[in-house]
C-alpha atoms as a PDB file:
ATOM      1  CA  MET A   1      16.134  28.601  22.025  1.00  0.00           C
ATOM      2  CA  GLY A   2      12.755  28.194  20.394  1.00  0.00           C
ATOM      3  CA  GLY A   3      14.323  29.089  16.964  1.00  0.00           C
ATOM      4  CA  ARG A   4      17.006  26.445  17.525  1.00  0.00           C
ATOM      5  CA  ALA A   5      14.468  23.828  18.320  1.00  0.00           C
ATOM      6  CA  THR A   6      12.519  24.664  15.284  1.00  0.00           C
ATOM      7  CA  ASP A   7      15.557  24.393  13.127  1.00  0.00           C
ATOM      8  CA  LEU A   8      16.327  21.054  14.641  1.00  0.00           C
ATOM      9  CA  THR A   9      12.809  19.733  14.094  1.00  0.00           C
ATOM     10  CA  LEU A  10      12.985  20.888  10.450  1.00  0.00           C
ATOM     11  CA  ARG A  11      16.174  19.058   9.981  1.00  0.00           C
ATOM     12  CA  ALA A  12      15.521  15.855  11.902  1.00  0.00           C
ATOM     13  CA  ALA A  13      11.788  15.010  11.336  1.00  0.00           C
ATOM     14  CA  PRO A  14      12.004  14.607   7.588  1.00  0.00           C
ATOM     15  CA  ALA A  15      14.945  12.229   7.983  1.00  0.00           C
ATOM     16  CA  PHE A  16      12.934   9.817  10.063  1.00  0.00           C
ATOM     17  CA  ALA A  17       9.655  10.195   8.171  1.00  0.00           C
ATOM     18  CA  PRO A  18      10.296   7.808   5.263  1.00  0.00           C
ATOM     19  CA  ALA A  19      11.201   4.975   7.631  1.00  0.00           C
ATOM     20  CA  VAL A  20       8.142   5.639   9.796  1.00  0.00           C
ATOM     21  CA  VAL A  21       5.820   5.724   6.809  1.00  0.00           C
ATOM     22  CA  ARG A  22       7.193   2.561   5.422  1.00  0.00           C
ATOM     23  CA  ALA A  23       7.029   0.813   8.722  1.00  0.00           C
ATOM     24  CA  LEU A  24       3.279   1.544   8.994  1.00  0.00           C
ATOM     25  CA  TYR A  25       2.675  -0.568   5.884  1.00  0.00           C
ATOM     26  CA  ALA A  26       5.472  -3.116   6.152  1.00  0.00           C
ATOM     27  CA  HIS A  27       3.148  -5.999   7.173  1.00  0.00           C
ATOM     28  CA  CYS A  28       0.193  -5.077   5.091  1.00  0.00           C
ATOM     29  CA  SER A  29      -1.172  -6.494   1.778  1.00  0.00           C
ATOM     30  CA  VAL A  30      -2.481  -4.452  -1.045  1.00  0.00           C
ATOM     31  CA  ARG A  31      -5.137  -5.408  -3.556  1.00  0.00           C
ATOM     32  CA  VAL A  32      -5.442  -3.163  -6.631  1.00  0.00           C
ATOM     33  CA  LEU A  33      -8.700  -2.677  -8.517  1.00  0.00           C
ATOM     34  CA  ASN A  34      -8.684  -1.360 -12.019  1.00  0.00           C
ATOM     35  CA  ARG A  35      -4.931  -1.914 -12.223  1.00  0.00           C
ATOM     36  CA  ALA A  36      -4.925  -1.088 -16.005  1.00  0.00           C
ATOM     37  CA  VAL A  37      -5.164   2.598 -15.195  1.00  0.00           C
ATOM     38  CA  GLN A  38      -2.177   2.361 -12.877  1.00  0.00           C
ATOM     39  CA  ASP A  39      -0.175   0.512 -15.413  1.00  0.00           C
ATOM     40  CA  ARG A  40      -1.036   2.938 -18.243  1.00  0.00           C
ATOM     41  CA  TYR A  41      -0.390   6.170 -16.395  1.00  0.00           C
ATOM     42  CA  VAL A  42       1.683   5.998 -13.122  1.00  0.00           C
ATOM     43  CA  GLY A  43       5.229   6.535 -13.956  1.00  0.00           C
ATOM     44  CA  ARG A  44       4.470   6.566 -17.745  1.00  0.00           C
ATOM     45  CA  ARG A  45       2.152   9.382 -18.689  1.00  0.00           C
ATOM     46  CA  PRO A  46       1.162  12.729 -17.202  1.00  0.00           C
ATOM     47  CA  PHE A  47      -2.039  12.770 -15.078  1.00  0.00           C
ATOM     48  CA  VAL A  48      -3.568  14.623 -12.174  1.00  0.00           C
ATOM     49  CA  GLY A  49      -4.305  12.044  -9.360  1.00  0.00           C
ATOM     50  CA  VAL A  50      -6.925  13.011  -6.729  1.00  0.00           C
ATOM     51  CA  VAL A  51      -6.873  11.574  -3.193  1.00  0.00           C
ATOM     52  CA  TRP A  52      -8.625  12.338   0.051  1.00  0.00           C
ATOM     53  CA  HIS A  53      -6.559  13.722   2.970  1.00  0.00           C
ATOM     54  CA  GLN A  54      -7.432  10.655   5.066  1.00  0.00           C
ATOM     55  CA  ASP A  55      -5.542   8.369   2.686  1.00  0.00           C
ATOM     56  CA  PHE A  56      -2.542  10.673   2.083  1.00  0.00           C
ATOM     57  CA  LEU A  57      -0.091   8.686   4.228  1.00  0.00           C
ATOM     58  CA  PHE A  58      -0.726   5.423   2.307  1.00  0.00           C
ATOM     59  CA  ALA A  59      -0.585   7.240  -1.053  1.00  0.00           C
ATOM     60  CA  LEU A  60       2.817   8.721  -0.147  1.00  0.00           C
ATOM     61  CA  ASP A  61       4.216   5.219   0.484  1.00  0.00           C
ATOM     62  CA  TYR A  62       2.536   3.586  -2.469  1.00  0.00           C
ATOM     63  CA  PHE A  63       3.477   6.107  -5.121  1.00  0.00           C
ATOM     64  CA  ARG A  64       6.934   7.062  -3.970  1.00  0.00           C
ATOM     65  CA  GLY A  65       9.652   7.331  -6.613  1.00  0.00           C
ATOM     66  CA  ARG A  66       7.232   7.294  -9.558  1.00  0.00           C
ATOM     67  CA  ARG A  67       7.845  10.812 -10.994  1.00  0.00           C
ATOM     68  CA  ILE A  68       4.995  12.527  -9.159  1.00  0.00           C
ATOM     69  CA  ALA A  69       4.693  16.149  -8.061  1.00  0.00           C
ATOM     70  CA  VAL A  70       2.792  17.020  -4.930  1.00  0.00           C
ATOM     71  CA  MET A  71       1.338  20.341  -3.892  1.00  0.00           C
ATOM     72  CA  VAL A  72       2.212  21.244  -0.270  1.00  0.00           C
ATOM     73  CA  SER A  73       1.189  24.192   1.775  1.00  0.00           C
ATOM     74  CA  ARG A  74       3.537  27.083   2.731  1.00  0.00           C
ATOM     75  CA  SER A  75       2.983  26.621   6.402  1.00  0.00           C
ATOM     76  CA  ARG A  76       5.609  25.264   8.847  1.00  0.00           C
ATOM     77  CA  ASP A  77       4.011  21.932   8.828  1.00  0.00           C
ATOM     78  CA  GLY A  78       4.071  22.121   5.092  1.00  0.00           C
ATOM     79  CA  GLU A  79       7.866  22.694   5.143  1.00  0.00           C
ATOM     80  CA  LEU A  80       8.230  19.470   7.263  1.00  0.00           C
ATOM     81  CA  ALA A  81       5.988  17.660   4.794  1.00  0.00           C
ATOM     82  CA  ALA A  82       7.852  19.006   1.686  1.00  0.00           C
ATOM     83  CA  ARG A  83      11.271  17.838   3.041  1.00  0.00           C
ATOM     84  CA  ALA A  84       9.912  14.384   3.899  1.00  0.00           C
ATOM     85  CA  LEU A  85       8.277  14.162   0.482  1.00  0.00           C
ATOM     86  CA  ARG A  86      11.506  14.858  -1.359  1.00  0.00           C
ATOM     87  CA  ARG A  87      13.242  12.172   0.636  1.00  0.00           C
ATOM     88  CA  LEU A  88      10.385   9.794  -0.600  1.00  0.00           C
ATOM     89  CA  GLY A  89      11.171  10.668  -4.152  1.00  0.00           C
ATOM     90  CA  TYR A  90       8.540  13.343  -4.829  1.00  0.00           C
ATOM     91  CA  ARG A  91       8.843  16.730  -6.488  1.00  0.00           C
ATOM     92  CA  THR A  92       7.018  19.435  -4.432  1.00  0.00           C
ATOM     93  CA  VAL A  93       5.383  22.765  -5.276  1.00  0.00           C
ATOM     94  CA  ARG A  94       4.374  25.060  -2.387  1.00  0.00           C
ATOM     95  CA  GLY A  95       0.927  26.520  -2.034  1.00  0.00           C
ATOM     96  CA  SER A  96      -2.667  25.568  -1.085  1.00  0.00           C
ATOM     97  CA  SER A  97      -6.184  26.916  -1.391  1.00  0.00           C
ATOM     98  CA  THR A  98      -5.496  29.233   1.492  1.00  0.00           C
ATOM     99  CA  GLU A  99      -2.163  30.639   0.438  1.00  0.00           C
ATOM    100  CA  GLY A 100      -0.109  30.709  -2.832  1.00  0.00           C
ATOM    101  CA  GLY A 101      -2.509  28.292  -4.627  1.00  0.00           C
ATOM    102  CA  ARG A 102      -2.538  30.069  -8.001  1.00  0.00           C
ATOM    103  CA  GLU A 103       1.269  30.170  -8.162  1.00  0.00           C
ATOM    104  CA  ALA A 104       1.422  26.518  -7.063  1.00  0.00           C
ATOM    105  CA  LEU A 105      -1.075  25.448  -9.699  1.00  0.00           C
ATOM    106  CA  ARG A 106       0.773  27.266 -12.380  1.00  0.00           C
ATOM    107  CA  GLU A 107       3.968  25.507 -11.454  1.00  0.00           C
ATOM    108  CA  LEU A 108       2.259  22.082 -11.181  1.00  0.00           C
ATOM    109  CA  THR A 109       0.751  22.631 -14.689  1.00  0.00           C
ATOM    110  CA  VAL A 110       4.204  23.165 -16.101  1.00  0.00           C
ATOM    111  CA  LEU A 111       5.444  19.953 -14.516  1.00  0.00           C
ATOM    112  CA  VAL A 112       2.543  17.948 -15.770  1.00  0.00           C
ATOM    113  CA  ARG A 113       3.060  19.405 -19.307  1.00  0.00           C
ATOM    114  CA  GLU A 114       6.636  18.184 -19.030  1.00  0.00           C
ATOM    115  CA  GLY A 115       5.444  14.638 -18.378  1.00  0.00           C
ATOM    116  CA  TRP A 116       5.205  14.501 -14.612  1.00  0.00           C
ATOM    117  CA  GLY A 117       2.225  13.022 -12.846  1.00  0.00           C
ATOM    118  CA  ALA A 118       0.593  15.287 -10.127  1.00  0.00           C
ATOM    119  CA  ALA A 119      -1.008  14.375  -6.849  1.00  0.00           C
ATOM    120  CA  ILE A 120      -3.563  16.749  -5.303  1.00  0.00           C
ATOM    121  CA  VAL A 121      -5.245  16.277  -2.024  1.00  0.00           C
ATOM    122  CA  ALA A 122      -8.850  17.115  -3.021  1.00  0.00           C
ATOM    123  CA  ASP A 123     -10.145  18.104   0.358  1.00  0.00           C
ATOM    124  CA  GLY A 124      -6.772  19.744   1.773  1.00  0.00           C
ATOM    125  CA  PRO A 125      -5.226  21.261   3.514  1.00  0.00           C
ATOM    126  CA  ARG A 126      -7.956  21.751   6.143  1.00  0.00           C
ATOM    127  CA  GLY A 127     -11.108  20.362   4.796  1.00  0.00           C
ATOM    128  CA  PRO A 128     -13.977  20.016   5.123  1.00  0.00           C
ATOM    129  CA  ALA A 129     -13.292  16.166   4.763  1.00  0.00           C
ATOM    130  CA  LYS A 130     -14.384  14.540   1.538  1.00  0.00           C
ATOM    131  CA  ARG A 131     -15.427  17.873  -0.145  1.00  0.00           C
ATOM    132  CA  ALA A 132     -13.251  18.250  -3.271  1.00  0.00           C
ATOM    133  CA  LYS A 133     -11.927  21.691  -4.144  1.00  0.00           C
ATOM    134  CA  ILE A 134     -11.886  23.008  -7.663  1.00  0.00           C
ATOM    135  CA  GLY A 135      -7.992  23.128  -7.819  1.00  0.00           C
ATOM    136  CA  CYS A 136      -7.700  19.535  -9.208  1.00  0.00           C
ATOM    137  CA  VAL A 137     -10.019  20.286 -12.128  1.00  0.00           C
ATOM    138  CA  VAL A 138      -8.279  23.559 -12.965  1.00  0.00           C
ATOM    139  CA  ALA A 139      -4.833  21.667 -12.959  1.00  0.00           C
ATOM    140  CA  ALA A 140      -6.251  19.073 -15.385  1.00  0.00           C
ATOM    141  CA  ARG A 141      -7.866  21.757 -17.657  1.00  0.00           C
ATOM    142  CA  ASN A 142      -4.674  23.813 -17.810  1.00  0.00           C
ATOM    143  CA  SER A 143      -2.234  20.914 -18.274  1.00  0.00           C
ATOM    144  CA  GLY A 144      -4.292  18.762 -20.698  1.00  0.00           C
ATOM    145  CA  ALA A 145      -3.784  15.697 -18.519  1.00  0.00           C
ATOM    146  CA  PRO A 146      -6.756  13.614 -17.312  1.00  0.00           C
ATOM    147  CA  LEU A 147      -8.080  13.507 -13.769  1.00  0.00           C
ATOM    148  CA  ILE A 148      -7.672  10.111 -12.046  1.00  0.00           C
ATOM    149  CA  PRO A 149      -9.703   9.635  -8.945  1.00  0.00           C
ATOM    150  CA  PHE A 150      -8.220   7.338  -6.249  1.00  0.00           C
ATOM    151  CA  GLY A 151      -9.970   5.221  -3.613  1.00  0.00           C
ATOM    152  CA  CYS A 152      -8.686   3.349  -0.635  1.00  0.00           C
ATOM    153  CA  ALA A 153      -9.910   1.217   2.296  1.00  0.00           C
ATOM    154  CA  VAL A 154      -7.994  -0.402   5.145  1.00  0.00           C
ATOM    155  CA  ARG A 155      -9.308  -3.198   7.377  1.00  0.00           C
ATOM    156  CA  PRO A 156      -8.675  -3.408  10.201  1.00  0.00           C
ATOM    157  CA  ALA A 157      -7.551   0.218  10.824  1.00  0.00           C
ATOM    158  CA  ILE A 158      -7.411   2.958  13.348  1.00  0.00           C
ATOM    159  CA  ARG A 159      -8.557   6.533  12.663  1.00  0.00           C
ATOM    160  CA  ASN A 160      -7.050   9.588  14.067  1.00  0.00           C
ATOM    161  CA  ARG A 161      -9.422  12.076  15.767  1.00  0.00           C
ATOM    162  CA  SER A 162      -8.366  14.888  13.365  1.00  0.00           C
ATOM    163  CA  TRP A 163     -10.597  16.750  10.952  1.00  0.00           C
ATOM    164  CA  ASP A 164      -9.805  14.298   8.203  1.00  0.00           C
ATOM    165  CA  ARG A 165      -9.995  11.119  10.282  1.00  0.00           C
ATOM    166  CA  THR A 166      -6.570   9.868   8.946  1.00  0.00           C
ATOM    167  CA  VAL A 167      -6.571   6.170   8.398  1.00  0.00           C
ATOM    168  CA  LEU A 168      -3.638   4.168   9.941  1.00  0.00           C
ATOM    169  CA  PRO A 169      -3.183   0.333   9.368  1.00  0.00           C
ATOM    170  CA  LEU A 170      -2.558  -2.356  11.918  1.00  0.00           C
ATOM    171  CA  PRO A 171      -0.017  -5.183  11.323  1.00  0.00           C
ATOM    172  CA  GLY A 172      -1.566  -7.524   8.865  1.00  0.00           C
ATOM    173  CA  SER A 173      -4.104  -5.061   7.575  1.00  0.00           C
ATOM    174  CA  ARG A 174      -5.774  -5.585   4.161  1.00  0.00           C
ATOM    175  CA  ILE A 175      -5.605  -2.484   1.997  1.00  0.00           C
ATOM    176  CA  VAL A 176      -7.676  -2.279  -1.207  1.00  0.00           C
ATOM    177  CA  ILE A 177      -7.083   0.567  -3.633  1.00  0.00           C
ATOM    178  CA  ALA A 178      -8.994   1.496  -6.772  1.00  0.00           C
ATOM    179  CA  PHE A 179      -8.264   3.755  -9.689  1.00  0.00           C
ATOM    180  CA  GLY A 180     -11.059   5.517 -11.425  1.00  0.00           C
ATOM    181  CA  ASP A 181     -11.216   5.736 -15.059  1.00  0.00           C
ATOM    182  CA  PRO A 182      -9.434   8.805 -16.424  1.00  0.00           C
ATOM    183  CA  LEU A 183     -11.666  11.949 -16.678  1.00  0.00           C
ATOM    184  CA  PRO A 184     -10.676  14.473 -19.303  1.00  0.00           C
ATOM    185  CA  VAL A 185     -11.230  18.131 -18.760  1.00  0.00           C
ATOM    186  CA  PRO A 186     -11.696  20.337 -21.938  1.00  0.00           C
ATOM    187  CA  ALA A 187      -9.073  23.047 -22.254  1.00  0.00           C
ATOM    188  CA  ASP A 188     -11.837  25.563 -22.848  1.00  0.00           C
ATOM    189  CA  ALA A 189     -14.003  24.348 -19.915  1.00  0.00           C
ATOM    190  CA  PRO A 190     -15.805  27.432 -18.471  1.00  0.00           C
ATOM    191  CA  PRO A 191     -16.222  27.774 -14.620  1.00  0.00           C
ATOM    192  CA  GLU A 192     -19.652  26.181 -14.583  1.00  0.00           C
ATOM    193  CA  GLU A 193     -18.284  23.003 -16.326  1.00  0.00           C
ATOM    194  CA  CYS A 194     -15.312  23.015 -14.006  1.00  0.00           C
ATOM    195  CA  GLU A 195     -17.841  23.003 -11.080  1.00  0.00           C
ATOM    196  CA  ARG A 196     -19.723  20.194 -12.569  1.00  0.00           C
ATOM    197  CA  LEU A 197     -16.626  18.130 -13.028  1.00  0.00           C
ATOM    198  CA  ARG A 198     -15.649  18.819  -9.399  1.00  0.00           C
ATOM    199  CA  ARG A 199     -18.878  17.327  -8.274  1.00  0.00           C
ATOM    200  CA  VAL A 200     -18.236  14.298 -10.623  1.00  0.00           C
ATOM    201  CA  VAL A 201     -14.750  13.782  -9.108  1.00  0.00           C
ATOM    202  CA  GLU A 202     -16.280  13.964  -5.535  1.00  0.00           C
ATOM    203  CA  ALA A 203     -18.872  11.508  -6.452  1.00  0.00           C
ATOM    204  CA  ARG A 204     -16.496   9.034  -8.119  1.00  0.00           C
ATOM    205  CA  MET A 205     -14.125   9.116  -5.149  1.00  0.00           C
ATOM    206  CA  GLU A 206     -17.066   8.304  -2.830  1.00  0.00           C
ATOM    207  CA  GLU A 207     -17.957   5.386  -5.189  1.00  0.00           C
ATOM    208  CA  LEU A 208     -14.357   4.049  -5.204  1.00  0.00           C
ATOM    209  CA  GLU A 209     -14.054   4.295  -1.488  1.00  0.00           C
ATOM    210  CA  ALA A 210     -17.260   2.308  -1.068  1.00  0.00           C
ATOM    211  CA  THR A 211     -16.050  -0.290  -3.597  1.00  0.00           C
ATOM    212  CA  CYS A 212     -12.818  -0.641  -1.769  1.00  0.00           C
ATOM    213  CA  ALA A 213     -14.485  -0.898   1.547  1.00  0.00           C
ATOM    214  CA  ARG A 214     -16.560  -3.853   0.356  1.00  0.00           C
ATOM    215  CA  ALA A 215     -13.510  -5.647  -1.055  1.00  0.00           C
ATOM    216  CA  ALA A 216     -11.532  -4.992   2.001  1.00  0.00           C
ATOM    217  CA  GLU A 217     -14.063  -6.830   4.099  1.00  0.00           C
ATOM    218  CA  GLU A 218     -13.106 -10.013   2.316  1.00  0.00           C
ATOM    219  CA  ARG A 219     -10.608 -12.159   4.112  1.00  0.00           C
ATOM    220  CA  THR A 220      -7.679 -11.836   1.488  1.00  0.00           C
ATOM    221  CA  THR A 221      -4.489 -13.728   1.453  1.00  0.00           C
ATOM    222  CA  SER A 222      -1.235 -13.121  -0.392  1.00  0.00           C
ATOM    223  CA  ARG A 223      -1.873 -16.163  -2.569  1.00  0.00           C
ATOM    224  CA  ARG A 224      -4.358 -14.128  -4.617  1.00  0.00           C
ATOM    225  CA  PRO A 225      -2.860 -12.939  -7.950  1.00  0.00           C
ATOM    226  CA  ASP A 226      -4.089  -9.314  -7.209  1.00  0.00           C
ATOM    227  CA  VAL A 227      -2.767  -9.018  -3.692  1.00  0.00           C
ATOM    228  CA  GLU A 228       0.728  -7.820  -3.103  1.00  0.00           C
ATOM    229  CA  PRO A 229       2.401  -8.206   0.243  1.00  0.00           C
ATOM    230  CA  ILE A 230       4.600  -5.145   1.094  1.00  0.00           C
ATOM    231  CA  GLY A 231       7.942  -5.525   2.582  1.00  0.00           C
ATOM    232  CA  TRP A 232      10.776  -3.044   3.088  1.00  0.00           C
ATOM    233  CA  ALA A 233      14.451  -3.285   3.832  1.00  0.00           C
ATOM    234  CA  GLU A 234      14.234  -0.679   6.428  1.00  0.00           C
ATOM    235  CA  PRO A 235      11.764  -1.848   9.080  1.00  0.00           C
ATOM    236  CA  SER A 236      11.113   0.549  11.907  1.00  0.00           C
ATOM    237  CA  VAL A 237       8.611   1.198  14.665  1.00  0.00           C
ATOM    238  CA  GLY A 238       5.967   3.729  13.697  1.00  0.00           C
ATOM    239  CA  PRO A 239       4.442   6.193  16.223  1.00  0.00           C
ATOM    240  CA  ARG A 240       1.310   5.309  18.089  1.00  0.00           C
ATOM    241  CA  PRO A 241      -1.349   7.982  17.393  1.00  0.00           C
ATOM    242  CA  ALA A 242      -2.131  10.059  20.506  1.00  0.00           C
ATOM    243  CA  ALA A 243      -5.859   9.781  20.004  1.00  0.00           C
ATOM    244  CA  SER A 244      -7.554   7.348  17.660  1.00  0.00           C
ATOM    245  CA  SER A 245     -10.517   4.987  17.333  1.00  0.00           C
ATOM    246  CA  ARG A 246     -10.376   1.382  16.092  1.00  0.00           C
ATOM    247  CA  GLU A 247     -12.163   0.385  12.732  1.00  0.00           C
ATOM    248  CA  GLY A 248     -12.699  -2.919  11.119  1.00  0.00           C
END
């Protein structure tokens, strides 16, 4: 019985996931900072994008269908995520810092060399939160594509009481995202240089998040030229988090 229930979950959950994710952001607006980086790279050139785990849900919704490959763990939860990601238009490679990471990085490197963008959760899969791991730097070094840090802030928002404090919007939330300038990684970068760049990425992501937070505090409206209301043809009711705290 347990096996049948697991199989049913693996089949059913990913089918609903895209509608749930889209519903979370259906009544939000988005303001993009440093849009030139997005316009130059996303869906056009290979890159290695770096995001915090807390912002992963929004990133999945925002970047869907833009020729991006995502690294997903080999766990059962990772299998659910991989199936949902494919429905959202992503390519997936399986592995993480705890299992199969080297193989996954090699596969991701090949895809980036072929022209794909890559998305790496810098502090995944289990944290600690906002502490970047070296994998994103290695992927950029081996592929020749630049690192692009990504920052995000949502106001008002709720935060799940998980290790990463996942951010979820409320209806009408203002979302501000920022792209960092591309950061090249030399192909011959030794381990100590990769570690230095890892710290640079971490610092830049903290700066981007702070910049987004300040901008999100502004009372924005969809009349502004850099604010884009989001609307989907498949509205649905998203799940209420079991345990969360209000922010904003």
